[in-house]
Amino acid sequence: MAIDVLLEELLSLKEVVKMVPPIDGKHPHVSTLWRWCRVGLRGVHLDYLRVGQRVVTSQEALGRFARDLAVADEQPASADNKGPRQACKRRAFETTKRRTATRQMVRRPGDQLNMER
């Protein structure tokens, strides 16, 4: 659900940081909230708006984000989406496989096995 500018009070990310419960006595950094907006966390994004140069969200959006994270925790991970590390490894494997497929194996007399493009 998007932010309703008529019903929700818009707050800067700096203001919202203070509303997030501290972990080990520290509130998250503003860049963490920005990452939650842009990249998300476990597939859940924090709703935000850009007003001129400022990025704003709302206390209600933070509540929806927390609720959606809790729902995401209850659902089992799918076989296709095992997390960012596995996705990164899978992309690296596919890239290596593609690059290897473009090379030809050449055996020259007296040489060890060489790879040529």
N, C-alpha and C. Protein backbone atom coordinates (compact mmCIF):
# COMPACT_ATOMS: atom_id res chain seq x y z
N MET A 1 0.85 -1.18 0.00
CA MET A 1 0.00 0.00 0.00
C MET A 1 0.89 1.24 0.00
N ALA A 2 0.59 2.16 -0.83
CA ALA A 2 1.37 3.39 -0.95
C ALA A 2 1.00 4.36 0.17
N ILE A 3 1.85 5.34 0.36
CA ILE A 3 1.61 6.37 1.36
C ILE A 3 0.48 7.28 0.88
N ASP A 4 -0.48 7.52 1.74
CA ASP A 4 -1.57 8.44 1.44
C ASP A 4 -1.20 9.80 2.02
N VAL A 5 -0.83 10.74 1.16
CA VAL A 5 -0.34 12.04 1.62
C VAL A 5 -1.42 12.86 2.32
N LEU A 6 -2.69 12.53 2.09
CA LEU A 6 -3.76 13.27 2.74
C LEU A 6 -4.04 12.77 4.16
N LEU A 7 -3.71 11.50 4.44
CA LEU A 7 -4.02 10.92 5.74
C LEU A 7 -2.80 10.69 6.63
N GLU A 8 -1.63 10.53 6.02
CA GLU A 8 -0.44 10.20 6.78
C GLU A 8 0.49 11.40 6.87
N GLU A 9 1.08 11.59 8.05
CA GLU A 9 2.04 12.68 8.24
C GLU A 9 3.37 12.27 7.63
N LEU A 10 3.88 13.10 6.73
CA LEU A 10 5.15 12.80 6.08
C LEU A 10 6.31 13.18 6.99
N LEU A 11 7.25 12.26 7.11
CA LEU A 11 8.42 12.46 7.97
C LEU A 11 9.68 12.15 7.18
N SER A 12 10.74 12.87 7.46
CA SER A 12 12.02 12.58 6.82
C SER A 12 12.56 11.26 7.36
N LEU A 13 13.47 10.65 6.63
CA LEU A 13 14.06 9.41 7.09
C LEU A 13 14.80 9.63 8.41
N LYS A 14 15.38 10.80 8.57
CA LYS A 14 16.09 11.12 9.80
C LYS A 14 15.14 11.11 11.00
N GLU A 15 13.91 11.59 10.79
CA GLU A 15 12.92 11.57 11.87
C GLU A 15 12.43 10.16 12.16
N VAL A 16 12.28 9.37 11.10
CA VAL A 16 11.75 8.01 11.25
C VAL A 16 12.78 7.10 11.94
N VAL A 17 14.07 7.37 11.73
CA VAL A 17 15.12 6.57 12.37
C VAL A 17 14.91 6.52 13.87
N LYS A 18 14.49 7.62 14.45
CA LYS A 18 14.29 7.70 15.90
C LYS A 18 13.10 6.85 16.37
N MET A 19 12.20 6.49 15.44
CA MET A 19 11.03 5.69 15.79
C MET A 19 11.32 4.19 15.76
N VAL A 20 12.40 3.81 15.08
CA VAL A 20 12.76 2.40 14.99
C VAL A 20 13.39 1.99 16.33
N PRO A 21 12.92 0.91 16.93
CA PRO A 21 13.48 0.49 18.21
C PRO A 21 14.99 0.24 18.10
N PRO A 22 15.74 0.69 19.09
CA PRO A 22 17.19 0.49 19.03
C PRO A 22 17.58 -0.97 19.24
N ILE A 23 18.65 -1.36 18.60
CA ILE A 23 19.24 -2.69 18.78
C ILE A 23 20.61 -2.46 19.39
N ASP A 24 20.89 -3.09 20.51
CA ASP A 24 22.15 -2.88 21.25
C ASP A 24 22.36 -1.40 21.57
N GLY A 25 21.27 -0.71 21.85
CA GLY A 25 21.35 0.69 22.24
C GLY A 25 21.51 1.67 21.10
N LYS A 26 21.48 1.18 19.85
CA LYS A 26 21.67 2.07 18.69
C LYS A 26 20.48 2.00 17.75
N HIS A 27 20.09 3.15 17.25
CA HIS A 27 19.09 3.20 16.20
C HIS A 27 19.78 2.93 14.87
N PRO A 28 19.05 2.42 13.87
CA PRO A 28 19.70 2.21 12.58
C PRO A 28 20.11 3.54 11.95
N HIS A 29 21.06 3.47 11.04
CA HIS A 29 21.52 4.67 10.33
C HIS A 29 20.48 5.04 9.27
N VAL A 30 20.47 6.29 8.89
CA VAL A 30 19.53 6.78 7.86
C VAL A 30 19.73 5.99 6.56
N SER A 31 20.96 5.63 6.25
CA SER A 31 21.23 4.88 5.02
C SER A 31 20.57 3.50 5.06
N THR A 32 20.38 2.95 6.25
CA THR A 32 19.69 1.66 6.37
C THR A 32 18.24 1.81 5.95
N LEU A 33 17.58 2.87 6.40
CA LEU A 33 16.20 3.10 5.98
C LEU A 33 16.10 3.35 4.49
N TRP A 34 17.07 4.07 3.94
CA TRP A 34 17.09 4.31 2.50
C TRP A 34 17.23 2.99 1.74
N ARG A 35 18.07 2.08 2.26
CA ARG A 35 18.24 0.77 1.64
C ARG A 35 16.93 -0.01 1.73
N TRP A 36 16.22 0.10 2.87
CA TRP A 36 14.93 -0.58 2.99
C TRP A 36 13.94 -0.04 1.96
N CYS A 37 14.03 1.24 1.65
CA CYS A 37 13.15 1.84 0.63
C CYS A 37 13.51 1.33 -0.77
N ARG A 38 14.77 1.41 -1.12
CA ARG A 38 15.21 1.11 -2.48
C ARG A 38 15.37 -0.39 -2.76
N VAL A 39 16.04 -1.11 -1.87
CA VAL A 39 16.37 -2.51 -2.10
C VAL A 39 15.40 -3.43 -1.38
N GLY A 40 14.97 -3.00 -0.20
CA GLY A 40 14.07 -3.82 0.59
C GLY A 40 14.85 -4.72 1.54
N LEU A 41 14.10 -5.46 2.34
CA LEU A 41 14.66 -6.40 3.29
C LEU A 41 13.82 -7.66 3.21
N ARG A 42 14.44 -8.76 2.82
CA ARG A 42 13.74 -10.04 2.64
C ARG A 42 12.51 -9.90 1.74
N GLY A 43 12.65 -9.10 0.70
CA GLY A 43 11.58 -8.94 -0.28
C GLY A 43 10.52 -7.92 0.09
N VAL A 44 10.69 -7.22 1.20
CA VAL A 44 9.71 -6.23 1.66
C VAL A 44 10.36 -4.85 1.57
N HIS A 45 9.63 -3.88 1.03
CA HIS A 45 10.14 -2.51 0.87
C HIS A 45 9.40 -1.54 1.80
N LEU A 46 10.13 -0.56 2.28
CA LEU A 46 9.54 0.54 3.05
C LEU A 46 9.00 1.55 2.05
N ASP A 47 7.72 1.88 2.16
CA ASP A 47 7.11 2.87 1.26
C ASP A 47 7.74 4.24 1.49
N TYR A 48 7.96 4.97 0.41
CA TYR A 48 8.53 6.31 0.53
C TYR A 48 8.06 7.18 -0.63
N LEU A 49 8.23 8.46 -0.46
CA LEU A 49 7.95 9.44 -1.51
C LEU A 49 9.15 10.36 -1.61
N ARG A 50 9.34 10.90 -2.77
CA ARG A 50 10.37 11.93 -2.95
C ARG A 50 9.63 13.25 -3.13
N VAL A 51 9.94 14.19 -2.24
CA VAL A 51 9.35 15.52 -2.30
C VAL A 51 10.50 16.48 -2.55
N GLY A 52 10.64 16.86 -3.81
CA GLY A 52 11.80 17.67 -4.19
C GLY A 52 13.07 16.86 -4.00
N GLN A 53 14.00 17.36 -3.21
CA GLN A 53 15.25 16.66 -2.94
C GLN A 53 15.13 15.72 -1.73
N ARG A 54 14.05 15.82 -0.98
CA ARG A 54 13.90 15.04 0.25
C ARG A 54 13.18 13.73 0.00
N VAL A 55 13.58 12.73 0.76
CA VAL A 55 12.90 11.44 0.76
C VAL A 55 12.12 11.37 2.06
N VAL A 56 10.83 11.08 1.95
CA VAL A 56 9.98 11.04 3.13
C VAL A 56 9.21 9.72 3.17
N THR A 57 8.81 9.38 4.36
CA THR A 57 7.96 8.22 4.59
C THR A 57 7.02 8.59 5.73
N SER A 58 6.38 7.62 6.33
CA SER A 58 5.46 7.93 7.42
C SER A 58 5.56 6.87 8.50
N GLN A 59 5.03 7.20 9.67
CA GLN A 59 5.01 6.24 10.76
C GLN A 59 4.14 5.04 10.38
N GLU A 60 3.06 5.30 9.66
CA GLU A 60 2.18 4.22 9.21
C GLU A 60 2.91 3.30 8.23
N ALA A 61 3.72 3.89 7.33
CA ALA A 61 4.49 3.09 6.38
C ALA A 61 5.49 2.20 7.12
N LEU A 62 6.09 2.74 8.18
CA LEU A 62 7.02 1.96 8.99
C LEU A 62 6.29 0.80 9.66
N GLY A 63 5.07 1.05 10.12
CA GLY A 63 4.26 -0.02 10.71
C GLY A 63 3.91 -1.10 9.71
N ARG A 64 3.55 -0.70 8.48
CA ARG A 64 3.25 -1.68 7.42
C ARG A 64 4.48 -2.49 7.08
N PHE A 65 5.63 -1.81 7.03
CA PHE A 65 6.89 -2.48 6.73
C PHE A 65 7.18 -3.56 7.78
N ALA A 66 7.03 -3.22 9.06
CA ALA A 66 7.27 -4.17 10.15
C ALA A 66 6.28 -5.33 10.08
N ARG A 67 5.02 -5.03 9.81
CA ARG A 67 4.01 -6.08 9.70
C ARG A 67 4.32 -7.02 8.54
N ASP A 68 4.68 -6.46 7.38
CA ASP A 68 4.97 -7.27 6.21
C ASP A 68 6.22 -8.13 6.42
N LEU A 69 7.21 -7.61 7.17
CA LEU A 69 8.39 -8.41 7.49
C LEU A 69 8.01 -9.60 8.37
N ALA A 70 7.13 -9.37 9.33
CA ALA A 70 6.69 -10.45 10.20
C ALA A 70 5.95 -11.52 9.39
N VAL A 71 5.13 -11.11 8.45
CA VAL A 71 4.41 -12.06 7.58
C VAL A 71 5.41 -12.82 6.72
N ALA A 72 6.42 -12.12 6.20
CA ALA A 72 7.43 -12.77 5.36
C ALA A 72 8.23 -13.80 6.16
N ASP A 73 8.45 -13.54 7.45
CA ASP A 73 9.17 -14.50 8.30
C ASP A 73 8.38 -15.78 8.51
N GLU A 74 7.06 -15.67 8.51
CA GLU A 74 6.21 -16.84 8.74
C GLU A 74 6.15 -17.75 7.52
N GLN A 75 6.38 -17.20 6.33
CA GLN A 75 6.29 -17.99 5.11
C GLN A 75 7.61 -18.68 4.84
N PRO A 76 7.57 -19.98 4.46
CA PRO A 76 8.83 -20.67 4.15
C PRO A 76 9.46 -20.10 2.89
N ALA A 77 10.78 -20.10 2.85
CA ALA A 77 11.50 -19.60 1.67
C ALA A 77 11.26 -20.54 0.51
N SER A 78 11.06 -20.00 -0.67
CA SER A 78 10.85 -20.82 -1.85
C SER A 78 12.19 -21.38 -2.32
N ALA A 79 12.13 -22.42 -3.11
CA ALA A 79 13.36 -23.04 -3.62
C ALA A 79 14.10 -22.10 -4.56
N ASP A 80 13.36 -21.22 -5.25
CA ASP A 80 14.00 -20.31 -6.20
C ASP A 80 14.69 -19.14 -5.50
N ASN A 81 14.18 -18.72 -4.36
CA ASN A 81 14.71 -17.55 -3.69
C ASN A 81 15.29 -17.95 -2.35
N LYS A 82 16.58 -18.27 -2.34
CA LYS A 82 17.23 -18.69 -1.10
C LYS A 82 18.05 -17.59 -0.49
N GLY A 83 17.95 -16.39 -1.00
CA GLY A 83 18.67 -15.28 -0.41
C GLY A 83 19.67 -14.66 -1.37
N PRO A 84 20.20 -13.50 -1.00
CA PRO A 84 21.09 -12.77 -1.90
C PRO A 84 22.41 -13.48 -2.16
N ARG A 85 22.94 -14.20 -1.18
CA ARG A 85 24.22 -14.88 -1.40
C ARG A 85 24.09 -15.98 -2.43
N GLN A 86 23.03 -16.77 -2.32
CA GLN A 86 22.83 -17.83 -3.29
C GLN A 86 22.57 -17.25 -4.68
N ALA A 87 21.84 -16.15 -4.75
CA ALA A 87 21.58 -15.52 -6.04
C ALA A 87 22.88 -15.02 -6.65
N CYS A 88 23.75 -14.45 -5.83
CA CYS A 88 25.04 -13.95 -6.32
C CYS A 88 25.89 -15.11 -6.82
N LYS A 89 25.92 -16.20 -6.06
CA LYS A 89 26.68 -17.38 -6.47
C LYS A 89 26.14 -17.95 -7.77
N ARG A 90 24.80 -17.97 -7.89
CA ARG A 90 24.18 -18.51 -9.10
C ARG A 90 24.54 -17.65 -10.32
N ARG A 91 24.52 -16.31 -10.15
CA ARG A 91 24.90 -15.43 -11.26
C ARG A 91 26.36 -15.63 -11.65
N ALA A 92 27.24 -15.78 -10.66
CA ALA A 92 28.66 -15.98 -10.93
C ALA A 92 28.86 -17.30 -11.67
N PHE A 93 28.14 -18.34 -11.26
CA PHE A 93 28.24 -19.63 -11.92
C PHE A 93 27.79 -19.54 -13.38
N GLU A 94 26.64 -18.87 -13.59
CA GLU A 94 26.12 -18.72 -14.96
C GLU A 94 27.10 -17.91 -15.83
N THR A 95 27.70 -16.88 -15.28
CA THR A 95 28.67 -16.08 -16.04
C THR A 95 29.88 -16.93 -16.41
N THR A 96 30.39 -17.69 -15.46
CA THR A 96 31.54 -18.55 -15.73
C THR A 96 31.19 -19.59 -16.77
N LYS A 97 30.01 -20.16 -16.66
CA LYS A 97 29.57 -21.17 -17.62
C LYS A 97 29.48 -20.58 -19.03
N ARG A 98 28.95 -19.35 -19.12
CA ARG A 98 28.83 -18.69 -20.42
C ARG A 98 30.20 -18.41 -21.02
N ARG A 99 31.12 -17.90 -20.19
CA ARG A 99 32.46 -17.59 -20.68
C ARG A 99 33.20 -18.85 -21.11
N THR A 100 33.05 -19.91 -20.35
CA THR A 100 33.72 -21.17 -20.68
C THR A 100 33.17 -21.75 -21.99
N ALA A 101 31.89 -21.58 -22.21
CA ALA A 101 31.27 -22.12 -23.42
C ALA A 101 31.78 -21.42 -24.68
N THR A 102 32.27 -20.19 -24.57
CA THR A 102 32.75 -19.48 -25.75
C THR A 102 34.20 -19.83 -26.09
N ARG A 103 34.89 -20.51 -25.17
CA ARG A 103 36.27 -20.90 -25.44
C ARG A 103 36.31 -22.28 -26.09
N GLN A 104 37.35 -22.51 -26.88
CA GLN A 104 37.51 -23.80 -27.53
C GLN A 104 38.71 -24.51 -26.93
N MET A 105 38.59 -25.81 -26.78
CA MET A 105 39.69 -26.61 -26.27
C MET A 105 40.59 -26.96 -27.46
N VAL A 106 41.88 -26.65 -27.35
CA VAL A 106 42.83 -26.91 -28.43
C VAL A 106 43.99 -27.72 -27.86
N ARG A 107 44.32 -28.81 -28.51
CA ARG A 107 45.44 -29.64 -28.08
C ARG A 107 46.51 -29.54 -29.15
N ARG A 108 47.67 -29.01 -28.76
CA ARG A 108 48.79 -28.90 -29.69
C ARG A 108 49.79 -30.01 -29.37
N PRO A 109 50.47 -30.50 -30.39
CA PRO A 109 51.45 -31.57 -30.15
C PRO A 109 52.53 -31.10 -29.16
N GLY A 110 52.79 -31.90 -28.16
CA GLY A 110 53.82 -31.58 -27.18
C GLY A 110 53.40 -30.60 -26.12
N ASP A 111 52.20 -30.00 -26.24
CA ASP A 111 51.71 -29.04 -25.25
C ASP A 111 50.73 -29.70 -24.30
N GLN A 112 50.59 -29.04 -23.18
CA GLN A 112 49.50 -29.44 -22.29
C GLN A 112 48.22 -28.86 -22.86
N LEU A 113 47.12 -29.22 -22.30
CA LEU A 113 45.83 -28.74 -22.76
C LEU A 113 45.75 -27.22 -22.57
N ASN A 114 45.46 -26.45 -23.65
CA ASN A 114 45.38 -25.00 -23.60
C ASN A 114 43.97 -24.55 -23.94
N MET A 115 43.63 -23.41 -23.40
CA MET A 115 42.33 -22.82 -23.71
C MET A 115 42.57 -21.62 -24.62
N GLU A 116 41.85 -21.56 -25.74
CA GLU A 116 41.94 -20.42 -26.66
C GLU A 116 40.56 -19.87 -26.92
N ARG A 117 40.55 -18.62 -27.26
CA ARG A 117 39.27 -18.00 -27.64
C ARG A 117 39.03 -18.20 -29.09
